[in-house]
């Protein structure tokens, strides 16, 4: 679905997402029956077809996914969280109850 969203025009996105969802659902429903028929005919055919589809899917995704830029070094990377100077760090308190509060009985 992510590749459908990336490569489809925005005005036709709903149609293509629906068709993609239909194809995924149809494949999920029909795969068990088709796999059973192939397995009873010749049990090696089902594995060969599956390996072929896996290789085709890997090739399709590798050709459509954009290439990444060169990885940044540690010095160039931006920190995800900025440390705050005014917050005092203390160790977490241990509570006897699993939800983090203590009760007095």
C-alpha atoms as a PDB file:
ATOM      1  CA  UNK A   1       0.000   0.000   0.000  1.00  0.00           C
ATOM      2  CA  UNK A   2       2.895   2.355   0.633  1.00  0.00           C
ATOM      3  CA  UNK A   3       4.190   1.955  -2.908  1.00  0.00           C
ATOM      4  CA  UNK A   4       0.665   2.507  -4.220  1.00  0.00           C
ATOM      5  CA  UNK A   5       0.475   5.761  -2.279  1.00  0.00           C
ATOM      6  CA  UNK A   6       3.889   6.892  -3.551  1.00  0.00           C
ATOM      7  CA  UNK A   7       3.399   6.165  -7.257  1.00  0.00           C
ATOM      8  CA  UNK A   8      -0.297   6.960  -7.891  1.00  0.00           C
ATOM      9  CA  UNK A   9      -1.749  10.356  -8.772  1.00  0.00           C
ATOM     10  CA  UNK A  10      -3.607  11.972  -5.878  1.00  0.00           C
ATOM     11  CA  UNK A  11      -6.926  12.224  -7.698  1.00  0.00           C
ATOM     12  CA  UNK A  12      -6.935   8.449  -8.394  1.00  0.00           C
ATOM     13  CA  UNK A  13      -5.469   7.377  -5.056  1.00  0.00           C
ATOM     14  CA  UNK A  14      -8.750   6.047  -3.637  1.00  0.00           C
ATOM     15  CA  UNK A  15      -9.357   3.854  -6.683  1.00  0.00           C
ATOM     16  CA  UNK A  16      -5.842   2.416  -6.656  1.00  0.00           C
ATOM     17  CA  UNK A  17      -5.885   1.824  -2.899  1.00  0.00           C
ATOM     18  CA  UNK A  18      -9.197  -0.015  -3.261  1.00  0.00           C
ATOM     19  CA  UNK A  19      -7.864  -2.155  -6.096  1.00  0.00           C
ATOM     20  CA  UNK A  20      -4.728  -2.921  -4.117  1.00  0.00           C
ATOM     21  CA  UNK A  21      -6.764  -3.928  -1.060  1.00  0.00           C
ATOM     22  CA  UNK A  22      -9.002  -6.096  -3.252  1.00  0.00           C
ATOM     23  CA  UNK A  23      -5.981  -7.840  -4.793  1.00  0.00           C
ATOM     24  CA  UNK A  24      -4.451  -8.477  -1.360  1.00  0.00           C
ATOM     25  CA  UNK A  25      -7.733  -9.875  -0.016  1.00  0.00           C
ATOM     26  CA  UNK A  26      -8.339 -12.030  -3.083  1.00  0.00           C
ATOM     27  CA  UNK A  27      -4.806 -13.424  -2.862  1.00  0.00           C
ATOM     28  CA  UNK A  28      -5.293 -14.250   0.819  1.00  0.00           C
ATOM     29  CA  UNK A  29      -8.588 -16.048   0.138  1.00  0.00           C
ATOM     30  CA  UNK A  30      -7.524 -17.960  -2.965  1.00  0.00           C
ATOM     31  CA  UNK A  31      -3.980 -18.853  -1.890  1.00  0.00           C
ATOM     32  CA  UNK A  32      -4.985 -21.728   0.394  1.00  0.00           C
ATOM     33  CA  UNK A  33      -7.105 -23.450  -2.236  1.00  0.00           C
ATOM     34  CA  UNK A  34      -4.656 -22.896  -5.064  1.00  0.00           C
ATOM     35  CA  UNK A  35      -1.769 -24.033  -2.878  1.00  0.00           C
ATOM     36  CA  UNK A  36      -3.656 -27.197  -1.973  1.00  0.00           C
ATOM     37  CA  UNK A  37      -4.370 -28.007  -5.623  1.00  0.00           C
ATOM     38  CA  UNK A  38      -0.743 -27.438  -6.587  1.00  0.00           C
ATOM     39  CA  UNK A  39       0.515 -29.468  -3.633  1.00  0.00           C
ATOM     40  CA  UNK A  40      -1.702 -32.460  -4.434  1.00  0.00           C
ATOM     41  CA  UNK A  41      -0.688 -32.347  -8.115  1.00  0.00           C
ATOM     42  CA  UNK A  42       3.054 -32.206  -7.429  1.00  0.00           C
ATOM     43  CA  UNK A  43       4.268 -30.987  -4.066  1.00  0.00           C
ATOM     44  CA  UNK A  44       7.462 -29.419  -5.437  1.00  0.00           C
ATOM     45  CA  UNK A  45       5.565 -27.074  -7.793  1.00  0.00           C
ATOM     46  CA  UNK A  46       4.025 -25.090  -4.939  1.00  0.00           C
ATOM     47  CA  UNK A  47       7.437 -24.375  -3.401  1.00  0.00           C
ATOM     48  CA  UNK A  48       8.964 -23.436  -6.757  1.00  0.00           C
ATOM     49  CA  UNK A  49       6.134 -21.013  -7.544  1.00  0.00           C
ATOM     50  CA  UNK A  50       6.419 -19.461  -4.099  1.00  0.00           C
ATOM     51  CA  UNK A  51      10.173 -18.942  -4.505  1.00  0.00           C
ATOM     52  CA  UNK A  52       9.563 -17.400  -7.923  1.00  0.00           C
ATOM     53  CA  UNK A  53       6.976 -14.969  -6.559  1.00  0.00           C
ATOM     54  CA  UNK A  54       9.285 -14.038  -3.668  1.00  0.00           C
ATOM     55  CA  UNK A  55      12.094 -13.277  -6.119  1.00  0.00           C
ATOM     56  CA  UNK A  56       9.725 -11.260  -8.336  1.00  0.00           C
ATOM     57  CA  UNK A  57       8.437  -9.265  -5.349  1.00  0.00           C
ATOM     58  CA  UNK A  58      11.990  -8.572  -4.157  1.00  0.00           C
ATOM     59  CA  UNK A  59      12.955  -7.361  -7.628  1.00  0.00           C
ATOM     60  CA  UNK A  60       9.860  -5.173  -7.874  1.00  0.00           C
ATOM     61  CA  UNK A  61      10.424  -3.550  -4.491  1.00  0.00           C
ATOM     62  CA  UNK A  62      14.149  -3.083  -5.149  1.00  0.00           C
ATOM     63  CA  UNK A  63      13.403  -1.302  -8.412  1.00  0.00           C
ATOM     64  CA  UNK A  64      10.718   0.983  -6.969  1.00  0.00           C
ATOM     65  CA  UNK A  65      12.202   2.007  -3.624  1.00  0.00           C
ATOM     66  CA  UNK A  66      14.319   5.150  -3.924  1.00  0.00           C
ATOM     67  CA  UNK A  67      18.005   4.886  -3.115  1.00  0.00           C
ATOM     68  CA  UNK A  68      19.129   6.216   0.246  1.00  0.00           C
ATOM     69  CA  UNK A  69      21.703   8.910   0.694  1.00  0.00           C
ATOM     70  CA  UNK A  70      25.083   8.188   2.210  1.00  0.00           C
ATOM     71  CA  UNK A  71      24.834   7.601   5.945  1.00  0.00           C
ATOM     72  CA  UNK A  72      25.783  10.532   8.153  1.00  0.00           C
ATOM     73  CA  UNK A  73      28.613  10.247  10.621  1.00  0.00           C
ATOM     74  CA  UNK A  74      27.977  10.552  14.341  1.00  0.00           C
ATOM     75  CA  UNK A  75      29.196  14.165  14.347  1.00  0.00           C
ATOM     76  CA  UNK A  76      26.833  15.157  11.491  1.00  0.00           C
ATOM     77  CA  UNK A  77      23.742  13.400  12.859  1.00  0.00           C
ATOM     78  CA  UNK A  78      21.134  15.528  14.569  1.00  0.00           C
ATOM     79  CA  UNK A  79      20.058  14.334  18.026  1.00  0.00           C
ATOM     80  CA  UNK A  80      16.483  13.125  18.289  1.00  0.00           C
ATOM     81  CA  UNK A  81      16.012  14.602  21.742  1.00  0.00           C
ATOM     82  CA  UNK A  82      17.702  17.657  23.144  1.00  0.00           C
ATOM     83  CA  UNK A  83      18.867  17.288  26.766  1.00  0.00           C
ATOM     84  CA  UNK A  84      17.230  19.707  29.177  1.00  0.00           C
ATOM     85  CA  UNK A  85      19.468  21.324  31.751  1.00  0.00           C
ATOM     86  CA  UNK A  86      16.745  22.248  34.238  1.00  0.00           C
ATOM     87  CA  UNK A  87      15.416  18.700  34.727  1.00  0.00           C
ATOM     88  CA  UNK A  88      16.957  16.686  37.531  1.00  0.00           C
ATOM     89  CA  UNK A  89      17.281  13.009  36.743  1.00  0.00           C
ATOM     90  CA  UNK A  90      16.437  10.616  39.549  1.00  0.00           C
ATOM     91  CA  UNK A  91      16.270   6.820  39.571  1.00  0.00           C
ATOM     92  CA  UNK A  92      12.805   5.338  39.118  1.00  0.00           C
ATOM     93  CA  UNK A  93      10.922   4.409  42.245  1.00  0.00           C
ATOM     94  CA  UNK A  94      10.044   0.780  42.798  1.00  0.00           C
ATOM     95  CA  UNK A  95       6.369   0.125  43.351  1.00  0.00           C
ATOM     96  CA  UNK A  96       4.849  -3.077  44.759  1.00  0.00           C
ATOM     97  CA  UNK A  97       1.894  -2.883  42.343  1.00  0.00           C
ATOM     98  CA  UNK A  98       2.285  -3.626  38.632  1.00  0.00           C
ATOM     99  CA  UNK A  99       0.585  -0.424  37.429  1.00  0.00           C
ATOM    100  CA  UNK A 100       3.126   1.850  39.086  1.00  0.00           C
ATOM    101  CA  UNK A 101       1.305   3.222  42.120  1.00  0.00           C
ATOM    102  CA  UNK A 102       1.557   2.148  45.703  1.00  0.00           C
ATOM    103  CA  UNK A 103      -1.437   1.599  47.908  1.00  0.00           C
ATOM    104  CA  UNK A 104      -1.704   1.625  51.693  1.00  0.00           C
ATOM    105  CA  UNK A 105      -3.924  -1.072  53.128  1.00  0.00           C
END
